[in-house]
């Protein structure tokens, strides 16, 4: 039982450390490369024009649901029994 608990603890710690990466709109930039035309990194960013954007890079924004905060992981496991 202790070994299983330690394994789950290690798994949750690895997940929490990966989720501490926060992305904001300054991370997203427009790429003119023919192989990757559009907002990059494409897994995190999308083109979303708002009034006042002067460049294509300013229109690149983080996709909904990309930012993961450690508190969300805590709430996901709250109330579960071992």
PDB file of N, CA and C in Angstrom:
ATOM      1  N   UNK A   1       0.824  -1.189   0.000  1.00  0.00           N
ATOM      2  CA  UNK A   1       0.000   0.000   0.000  1.00  0.00           C
ATOM      3  C   UNK A   1       0.868   1.253   0.000  1.00  0.00           C
ATOM      4  N   UNK A   2       1.965   1.228   0.770  1.00  0.00           N
ATOM      5  CA  UNK A   2       2.860   2.373   0.824  1.00  0.00           C
ATOM      6  C   UNK A   2       3.516   2.606  -0.528  1.00  0.00           C
ATOM      7  N   UNK A   3       3.892   1.527  -1.213  1.00  0.00           N
ATOM      8  CA  UNK A   3       4.519   1.653  -2.522  1.00  0.00           C
ATOM      9  C   UNK A   3       3.563   2.286  -3.520  1.00  0.00           C
ATOM     10  N   UNK A   4       2.311   1.888  -3.485  1.00  0.00           N
ATOM     11  CA  UNK A   4       1.310   2.468  -4.368  1.00  0.00           C
ATOM     12  C   UNK A   4       1.123   3.949  -4.073  1.00  0.00           C
ATOM     13  N   UNK A   5       1.102   4.316  -2.800  1.00  0.00           N
ATOM     14  CA  UNK A   5       0.949   5.721  -2.412  1.00  0.00           C
ATOM     15  C   UNK A   5       2.122   6.552  -2.899  1.00  0.00           C
ATOM     16  N   UNK A   6       3.332   6.014  -2.775  1.00  0.00           N
ATOM     17  CA  UNK A   6       4.512   6.733  -3.250  1.00  0.00           C
ATOM     18  C   UNK A   6       4.490   6.890  -4.760  1.00  0.00           C
ATOM     19  N   UNK A   7       4.017   5.866  -5.457  1.00  0.00           N
ATOM     20  CA  UNK A   7       3.924   5.950  -6.912  1.00  0.00           C
ATOM     21  C   UNK A   7       2.936   7.013  -7.351  1.00  0.00           C
ATOM     22  N   UNK A   8       1.790   7.075  -6.680  1.00  0.00           N
ATOM     23  CA  UNK A   8       0.797   8.103  -7.000  1.00  0.00           C
ATOM     24  C   UNK A   8       1.308   9.491  -6.662  1.00  0.00           C
ATOM     25  N   UNK A   9       2.053   9.603  -5.564  1.00  0.00           N
ATOM     26  CA  UNK A   9       2.629  10.884  -5.184  1.00  0.00           C
ATOM     27  C   UNK A   9       3.632  11.352  -6.233  1.00  0.00           C
ATOM     28  N   UNK A  10       4.474  10.451  -6.709  1.00  0.00           N
ATOM     29  CA  UNK A  10       5.455  10.802  -7.733  1.00  0.00           C
ATOM     30  C   UNK A  10       4.764  11.191  -9.034  1.00  0.00           C
ATOM     31  N   UNK A  11       3.709  10.479  -9.389  1.00  0.00           N
ATOM     32  CA  UNK A  11       2.968  10.792 -10.610  1.00  0.00           C
ATOM     33  C   UNK A  11       2.309  12.155 -10.514  1.00  0.00           C
ATOM     34  N   UNK A  12       1.697  12.466  -9.383  1.00  0.00           N
ATOM     35  CA  UNK A  12       1.039  13.762  -9.232  1.00  0.00           C
ATOM     36  C   UNK A  12       2.059  14.892  -9.176  1.00  0.00           C
ATOM     37  N   UNK A  13       3.235  14.649  -8.599  1.00  0.00           N
ATOM     38  CA  UNK A  13       4.280  15.671  -8.562  1.00  0.00           C
ATOM     39  C   UNK A  13       4.798  15.955  -9.963  1.00  0.00           C
ATOM     40  N   UNK A  14       4.957  14.927 -10.775  1.00  0.00           N
ATOM     41  CA  UNK A  14       5.416  15.128 -12.150  1.00  0.00           C
ATOM     42  C   UNK A  14       4.374  15.889 -12.952  1.00  0.00           C
ATOM     43  N   UNK A  15       3.112  15.584 -12.752  1.00  0.00           N
ATOM     44  CA  UNK A  15       2.043  16.289 -13.448  1.00  0.00           C
ATOM     45  C   UNK A  15       1.982  17.740 -13.011  1.00  0.00           C
ATOM     46  N   UNK A  16       2.126  18.001 -11.731  1.00  0.00           N
ATOM     47  CA  UNK A  16       2.062  19.366 -11.218  1.00  0.00           C
ATOM     48  C   UNK A  16       3.231  20.196 -11.720  1.00  0.00           C
ATOM     49  N   UNK A  17       4.424  19.604 -11.801  1.00  0.00           N
ATOM     50  CA  UNK A  17       5.569  20.369 -12.273  1.00  0.00           C
ATOM     51  C   UNK A  17       5.443  20.685 -13.754  1.00  0.00           C
ATOM     52  N   UNK A  18       4.832  19.812 -14.529  1.00  0.00           N
ATOM     53  CA  UNK A  18       4.631  20.087 -15.948  1.00  0.00           C
ATOM     54  C   UNK A  18       3.570  21.152 -16.149  1.00  0.00           C
ATOM     55  N   UNK A  19       2.627  21.255 -15.239  1.00  0.00           N
ATOM     56  CA  UNK A  19       1.521  22.192 -15.393  1.00  0.00           C
ATOM     57  C   UNK A  19       1.863  23.595 -14.910  1.00  0.00           C
ATOM     58  N   UNK A  20       3.042  23.798 -14.332  1.00  0.00           N
ATOM     59  CA  UNK A  20       3.388  25.120 -13.840  1.00  0.00           C
ATOM     60  C   UNK A  20       3.837  26.050 -14.955  1.00  0.00           C
ATOM     61  N   UNK A  21       3.939  25.563 -16.170  1.00  0.00           N
ATOM     62  CA  UNK A  21       4.306  26.403 -17.297  1.00  0.00           C
ATOM     63  C   UNK A  21       3.093  27.233 -17.676  1.00  0.00           C
ATOM     64  N   UNK A  22       3.217  28.536 -17.561  1.00  0.00           N
ATOM     65  CA  UNK A  22       2.130  29.434 -17.912  1.00  0.00           C
ATOM     66  C   UNK A  22       2.463  30.122 -19.224  1.00  0.00           C
ATOM     67  N   UNK A  23       1.488  30.217 -20.074  1.00  0.00           N
ATOM     68  CA  UNK A  23       1.671  30.812 -21.391  1.00  0.00           C
ATOM     69  C   UNK A  23       0.807  32.062 -21.456  1.00  0.00           C
ATOM     70  N   UNK A  24       1.366  33.143 -21.992  1.00  0.00           N
ATOM     71  CA  UNK A  24       0.552  34.328 -22.223  1.00  0.00           C
ATOM     72  C   UNK A  24       0.655  34.724 -23.694  1.00  0.00           C
ATOM     73  N   UNK A  25      -0.069  35.762 -24.084  1.00  0.00           N
ATOM     74  CA  UNK A  25      -0.146  36.141 -25.490  1.00  0.00           C
ATOM     75  C   UNK A  25       1.203  36.562 -26.070  1.00  0.00           C
ATOM     76  N   UNK A  26       2.141  36.990 -25.231  1.00  0.00           N
ATOM     77  CA  UNK A  26       3.454  37.389 -25.749  1.00  0.00           C
ATOM     78  C   UNK A  26       4.257  36.188 -26.242  1.00  0.00           C
ATOM     79  N   UNK A  27       3.872  34.988 -25.850  1.00  0.00           N
ATOM     80  CA  UNK A  27       4.531  33.767 -26.312  1.00  0.00           C
ATOM     81  C   UNK A  27       4.177  33.475 -27.764  1.00  0.00           C
ATOM     82  N   UNK A  28       2.991  33.885 -28.178  1.00  0.00           N
ATOM     83  CA  UNK A  28       2.484  33.579 -29.516  1.00  0.00           C
ATOM     84  C   UNK A  28       2.972  34.616 -30.527  1.00  0.00           C
ATOM     85  N   UNK A  29       3.537  34.146 -31.623  1.00  0.00           N
ATOM     86  CA  UNK A  29       4.026  35.035 -32.681  1.00  0.00           C
ATOM     87  C   UNK A  29       3.593  34.506 -34.041  1.00  0.00           C
ATOM     88  N   UNK A  30       3.501  35.396 -35.013  1.00  0.00           N
ATOM     89  CA  UNK A  30       3.157  35.020 -36.376  1.00  0.00           C
ATOM     90  C   UNK A  30       4.416  34.553 -37.089  1.00  0.00           C
ATOM     91  N   UNK A  31       4.315  33.451 -37.808  1.00  0.00           N
ATOM     92  CA  UNK A  31       5.439  32.914 -38.574  1.00  0.00           C
ATOM     93  C   UNK A  31       5.107  32.977 -40.059  1.00  0.00           C
ATOM     94  N   UNK A  32       6.035  33.510 -40.852  1.00  0.00           N
ATOM     95  CA  UNK A  32       5.863  33.588 -42.301  1.00  0.00           C
ATOM     96  C   UNK A  32       6.472  32.389 -43.011  1.00  0.00           C
ATOM     97  N   UNK A  33       7.036  31.461 -42.282  1.00  0.00           N
ATOM     98  CA  UNK A  33       7.657  30.284 -42.885  1.00  0.00           C
ATOM     99  C   UNK A  33       6.602  29.465 -43.631  1.00  0.00           C
ATOM    100  N   UNK A  34       6.901  29.047 -44.877  1.00  0.00           N
ATOM    101  CA  UNK A  34       5.916  28.264 -45.642  1.00  0.00           C
ATOM    102  C   UNK A  34       5.519  26.956 -44.950  1.00  0.00           C
ATOM    103  N   UNK A  35       6.415  26.381 -44.187  1.00  0.00           N
ATOM    104  CA  UNK A  35       6.095  25.119 -43.512  1.00  0.00           C
ATOM    105  C   UNK A  35       5.264  25.322 -42.247  1.00  0.00           C
ATOM    106  N   UNK A  36       5.270  26.540 -41.711  1.00  0.00           N
ATOM    107  CA  UNK A  36       4.512  26.788 -40.476  1.00  0.00           C
ATOM    108  C   UNK A  36       3.856  28.166 -40.506  1.00  0.00           C
ATOM    109  N   UNK A  37       3.161  28.468 -41.591  1.00  0.00           N
ATOM    110  CA  UNK A  37       2.504  29.762 -41.738  1.00  0.00           C
ATOM    111  C   UNK A  37       1.378  29.887 -40.717  1.00  0.00           C
ATOM    112  N   UNK A  38       1.413  30.938 -39.932  1.00  0.00           N
ATOM    113  CA  UNK A  38       0.373  31.175 -38.935  1.00  0.00           C
ATOM    114  C   UNK A  38       0.965  31.428 -37.568  1.00  0.00           C
ATOM    115  N   UNK A  39       0.111  31.391 -36.572  1.00  0.00           N
ATOM    116  CA  UNK A  39       0.544  31.631 -35.194  1.00  0.00           C
ATOM    117  C   UNK A  39       1.315  30.422 -34.671  1.00  0.00           C
ATOM    118  N   UNK A  40       2.444  30.703 -34.052  1.00  0.00           N
ATOM    119  CA  UNK A  40       3.298  29.647 -33.520  1.00  0.00           C
ATOM    120  C   UNK A  40       3.582  29.902 -32.053  1.00  0.00           C
ATOM    121  N   UNK A  41       3.711  28.919 -31.230  1.00  0.00           N
ATOM    122  CA  UNK A  41       3.535  27.491 -31.483  1.00  0.00           C
ATOM    123  C   UNK A  41       2.056  27.160 -31.695  1.00  0.00           C
ATOM    124  N   UNK A  42       1.774  26.410 -32.742  1.00  0.00           N
ATOM    125  CA  UNK A  42       0.392  26.153 -33.150  1.00  0.00           C
ATOM    126  C   UNK A  42      -0.386  25.319 -32.132  1.00  0.00           C
ATOM    127  N   UNK A  43       0.297  24.547 -31.305  1.00  0.00           N
ATOM    128  CA  UNK A  43      -0.398  23.752 -30.292  1.00  0.00           C
ATOM    129  C   UNK A  43      -0.964  24.633 -29.180  1.00  0.00           C
ATOM    130  N   UNK A  44      -0.391  25.811 -28.999  1.00  0.00           N
ATOM    131  CA  UNK A  44      -0.805  26.691 -27.912  1.00  0.00           C
ATOM    132  C   UNK A  44      -1.523  27.948 -28.378  1.00  0.00           C
ATOM    133  N   UNK A  45      -1.315  28.342 -29.642  1.00  0.00           N
ATOM    134  CA  UNK A  45      -1.769  29.646 -30.107  1.00  0.00           C
ATOM    135  C   UNK A  45      -2.696  29.543 -31.305  1.00  0.00           C
ATOM    136  N   UNK A  46      -3.522  30.593 -31.481  1.00  0.00           N
ATOM    137  CA  UNK A  46      -4.417  30.675 -32.625  1.00  0.00           C
ATOM    138  C   UNK A  46      -4.537  32.130 -33.053  1.00  0.00           C
ATOM    139  N   UNK A  47      -4.954  32.341 -34.307  1.00  0.00           N
ATOM    140  CA  UNK A  47      -5.172  33.688 -34.810  1.00  0.00           C
ATOM    141  C   UNK A  47      -6.529  34.170 -34.325  1.00  0.00           C
ATOM    142  N   UNK A  48      -6.543  35.312 -33.643  1.00  0.00           N
ATOM    143  CA  UNK A  48      -7.777  35.869 -33.089  1.00  0.00           C
ATOM    144  C   UNK A  48      -7.656  37.389 -33.117  1.00  0.00           C
ATOM    145  N   UNK A  49      -8.134  38.009 -34.215  1.00  0.00           N
ATOM    146  CA  UNK A  49      -8.016  39.454 -34.388  1.00  0.00           C
ATOM    147  C   UNK A  49      -8.942  40.189 -33.433  1.00  0.00           C
ATOM    148  N   UNK A  50      -8.403  41.206 -32.790  1.00  0.00           N
ATOM    149  CA  UNK A  50      -9.184  42.135 -31.974  1.00  0.00           C
ATOM    150  C   UNK A  50      -8.913  43.541 -32.483  1.00  0.00           C
ATOM    151  N   UNK A  51      -9.911  44.423 -32.366  1.00  0.00           N
ATOM    152  CA  UNK A  51      -9.737  45.807 -32.786  1.00  0.00           C
ATOM    153  C   UNK A  51      -8.558  46.404 -32.017  1.00  0.00           C
ATOM    154  N   UNK A  52      -7.660  47.037 -32.744  1.00  0.00           N
ATOM    155  CA  UNK A  52      -6.478  47.628 -32.134  1.00  0.00           C
ATOM    156  C   UNK A  52      -5.208  46.853 -32.425  1.00  0.00           C
ATOM    157  N   UNK A  53      -5.328  45.621 -32.920  1.00  0.00           N
ATOM    158  CA  UNK A  53      -4.145  44.846 -33.295  1.00  0.00           C
ATOM    159  C   UNK A  53      -3.533  45.461 -34.547  1.00  0.00           C
ATOM    160  N   UNK A  54      -2.255  45.804 -34.480  1.00  0.00           N
ATOM    161  CA  UNK A  54      -1.588  46.450 -35.605  1.00  0.00           C
ATOM    162  C   UNK A  54      -0.762  45.478 -36.434  1.00  0.00           C
ATOM    163  N   UNK A  55      -0.387  44.355 -35.856  1.00  0.00           N
ATOM    164  CA  UNK A  55       0.415  43.369 -36.580  1.00  0.00           C
ATOM    165  C   UNK A  55      -0.236  41.998 -36.450  1.00  0.00           C
ATOM    166  N   UNK A  56       0.200  41.072 -37.299  1.00  0.00           N
ATOM    167  CA  UNK A  56      -0.316  39.708 -37.215  1.00  0.00           C
ATOM    168  C   UNK A  56       0.079  39.045 -35.899  1.00  0.00           C
ATOM    169  N   UNK A  57       1.279  39.345 -35.412  1.00  0.00           N
ATOM    170  CA  UNK A  57       1.717  38.759 -34.136  1.00  0.00           C
ATOM    171  C   UNK A  57       0.851  39.229 -32.971  1.00  0.00           C
ATOM    172  N   UNK A  58       0.371  40.468 -33.031  1.00  0.00           N
ATOM    173  CA  UNK A  58      -0.509  40.955 -31.970  1.00  0.00           C
ATOM    174  C   UNK A  58      -1.850  40.229 -31.988  1.00  0.00           C
ATOM    175  N   UNK A  59      -2.234  39.687 -33.147  1.00  0.00           N
ATOM    176  CA  UNK A  59      -3.497  38.951 -33.267  1.00  0.00           C
ATOM    177  C   UNK A  59      -3.358  37.485 -32.869  1.00  0.00           C
ATOM    178  N   UNK A  60      -2.147  37.034 -32.621  1.00  0.00           N
ATOM    179  CA  UNK A  60      -1.937  35.656 -32.165  1.00  0.00           C
ATOM    180  C   UNK A  60      -2.154  35.610 -30.660  1.00  0.00           C
ATOM    181  N   UNK A  61      -3.072  34.755 -30.251  1.00  0.00           N
ATOM    182  CA  UNK A  61      -3.419  34.659 -28.837  1.00  0.00           C
ATOM    183  C   UNK A  61      -3.429  33.208 -28.385  1.00  0.00           C
ATOM    184  N   UNK A  62      -3.315  33.022 -27.079  1.00  0.00           N
ATOM    185  CA  UNK A  62      -3.329  31.683 -26.493  1.00  0.00           C
ATOM    186  C   UNK A  62      -4.722  31.081 -26.666  1.00  0.00           C
ATOM    187  N   UNK A  63      -4.762  29.802 -27.052  1.00  0.00           N
ATOM    188  CA  UNK A  63      -6.036  29.091 -27.194  1.00  0.00           C
ATOM    189  C   UNK A  63      -6.708  28.951 -25.835  1.00  0.00           C
ATOM    190  N   UNK A  64      -8.027  28.871 -25.847  1.00  0.00           N
ATOM    191  CA  UNK A  64      -8.774  28.647 -24.608  1.00  0.00           C
ATOM    192  C   UNK A  64      -8.385  27.300 -24.005  1.00  0.00           C
ATOM    193  N   UNK A  65      -8.196  27.273 -22.706  1.00  0.00           N
ATOM    194  CA  UNK A  65      -7.916  26.030 -22.002  1.00  0.00           C
ATOM    195  C   UNK A  65      -6.464  25.603 -21.998  1.00  0.00           C
ATOM    196  N   UNK A  66      -5.549  26.434 -22.495  1.00  0.00           N
ATOM    197  CA  UNK A  66      -4.136  26.043 -22.543  1.00  0.00           C
ATOM    198  C   UNK A  66      -3.470  26.208 -21.185  1.00  0.00           C
ATOM    199  N   UNK A  67      -3.720  27.304 -20.496  1.00  0.00           N
ATOM    200  CA  UNK A  67      -3.065  27.547 -19.206  1.00  0.00           C
ATOM    201  C   UNK A  67      -3.585  26.589 -18.153  1.00  0.00           C
ATOM    202  N   UNK A  68      -2.680  25.830 -17.551  1.00  0.00           N
ATOM    203  CA  UNK A  68      -3.032  24.920 -16.467  1.00  0.00           C
ATOM    204  C   UNK A  68      -2.356  25.416 -15.199  1.00  0.00           C
ATOM    205  N   UNK A  69      -3.111  25.659 -14.190  1.00  0.00           N
ATOM    206  CA  UNK A  69      -2.578  26.132 -12.928  1.00  0.00           C
ATOM    207  C   UNK A  69      -2.519  24.970 -11.939  1.00  0.00           C
ATOM    208  N   UNK A  70      -1.533  24.929 -11.054  1.00  0.00           N
ATOM    209  CA  UNK A  70      -1.431  23.840 -10.083  1.00  0.00           C
ATOM    210  C   UNK A  70      -2.689  23.709  -9.219  1.00  0.00           C
ATOM    211  N   UNK A  71      -3.391  24.814  -8.960  1.00  0.00           N
ATOM    212  CA  UNK A  71      -4.598  24.748  -8.145  1.00  0.00           C
ATOM    213  C   UNK A  71      -5.659  23.890  -8.817  1.00  0.00           C
ATOM    214  N   UNK A  72      -5.720  23.897 -10.143  1.00  0.00           N
ATOM    215  CA  UNK A  72      -6.704  23.089 -10.852  1.00  0.00           C
ATOM    216  C   UNK A  72      -6.427  21.603 -10.639  1.00  0.00           C
ATOM    217  N   UNK A  73      -5.163  21.213 -10.606  1.00  0.00           N
ATOM    218  CA  UNK A  73      -4.820  19.818 -10.349  1.00  0.00           C
ATOM    219  C   UNK A  73      -5.215  19.425  -8.933  1.00  0.00           C
ATOM    220  N   UNK A  74      -5.001  20.332  -7.994  1.00  0.00           N
ATOM    221  CA  UNK A  74      -5.373  20.045  -6.611  1.00  0.00           C
ATOM    222  C   UNK A  74      -6.878  19.816  -6.509  1.00  0.00           C
ATOM    223  N   UNK A  75      -7.657  20.664  -7.150  1.00  0.00           N
ATOM    224  CA  UNK A  75      -9.108  20.519  -7.092  1.00  0.00           C
ATOM    225  C   UNK A  75      -9.580  19.256  -7.799  1.00  0.00           C
ATOM    226  N   UNK A  76      -8.852  18.824  -8.813  1.00  0.00           N
ATOM    227  CA  UNK A  76      -9.243  17.617  -9.539  1.00  0.00           C
ATOM    228  C   UNK A  76      -9.140  16.381  -8.652  1.00  0.00           C
ATOM    229  N   UNK A  77      -8.190  16.370  -7.723  1.00  0.00           N
ATOM    230  CA  UNK A  77      -7.992  15.215  -6.853  1.00  0.00           C
ATOM    231  C   UNK A  77      -8.626  15.399  -5.478  1.00  0.00           C
ATOM    232  N   UNK A  78      -9.202  16.566  -5.199  1.00  0.00           N
ATOM    233  CA  UNK A  78      -9.809  16.817  -3.890  1.00  0.00           C
ATOM    234  C   UNK A  78     -11.032  15.923  -3.707  1.00  0.00           C
ATOM    235  N   UNK A  79     -11.125  15.324  -2.564  1.00  0.00           N
ATOM    236  CA  UNK A  79     -12.278  14.500  -2.237  1.00  0.00           C
ATOM    237  C   UNK A  79     -12.154  13.046  -2.650  1.00  0.00           C
ATOM    238  N   UNK A  80     -11.085  12.672  -3.354  1.00  0.00           N
ATOM    239  CA  UNK A  80     -10.916  11.268  -3.726  1.00  0.00           C
ATOM    240  C   UNK A  80     -10.369  10.498  -2.536  1.00  0.00           C
ATOM    241  N   UNK A  81     -10.745   9.252  -2.433  1.00  0.00           N
ATOM    242  CA  UNK A  81     -10.258   8.417  -1.339  1.00  0.00           C
ATOM    243  C   UNK A  81      -9.220   7.444  -1.863  1.00  0.00           C
ATOM    244  N   UNK A  82      -8.261   7.142  -1.022  1.00  0.00           N
ATOM    245  CA  UNK A  82      -7.183   6.240  -1.419  1.00  0.00           C
ATOM    246  C   UNK A  82      -7.581   4.803  -1.220  1.00  0.00           C
TER     247      UNK A  82
END
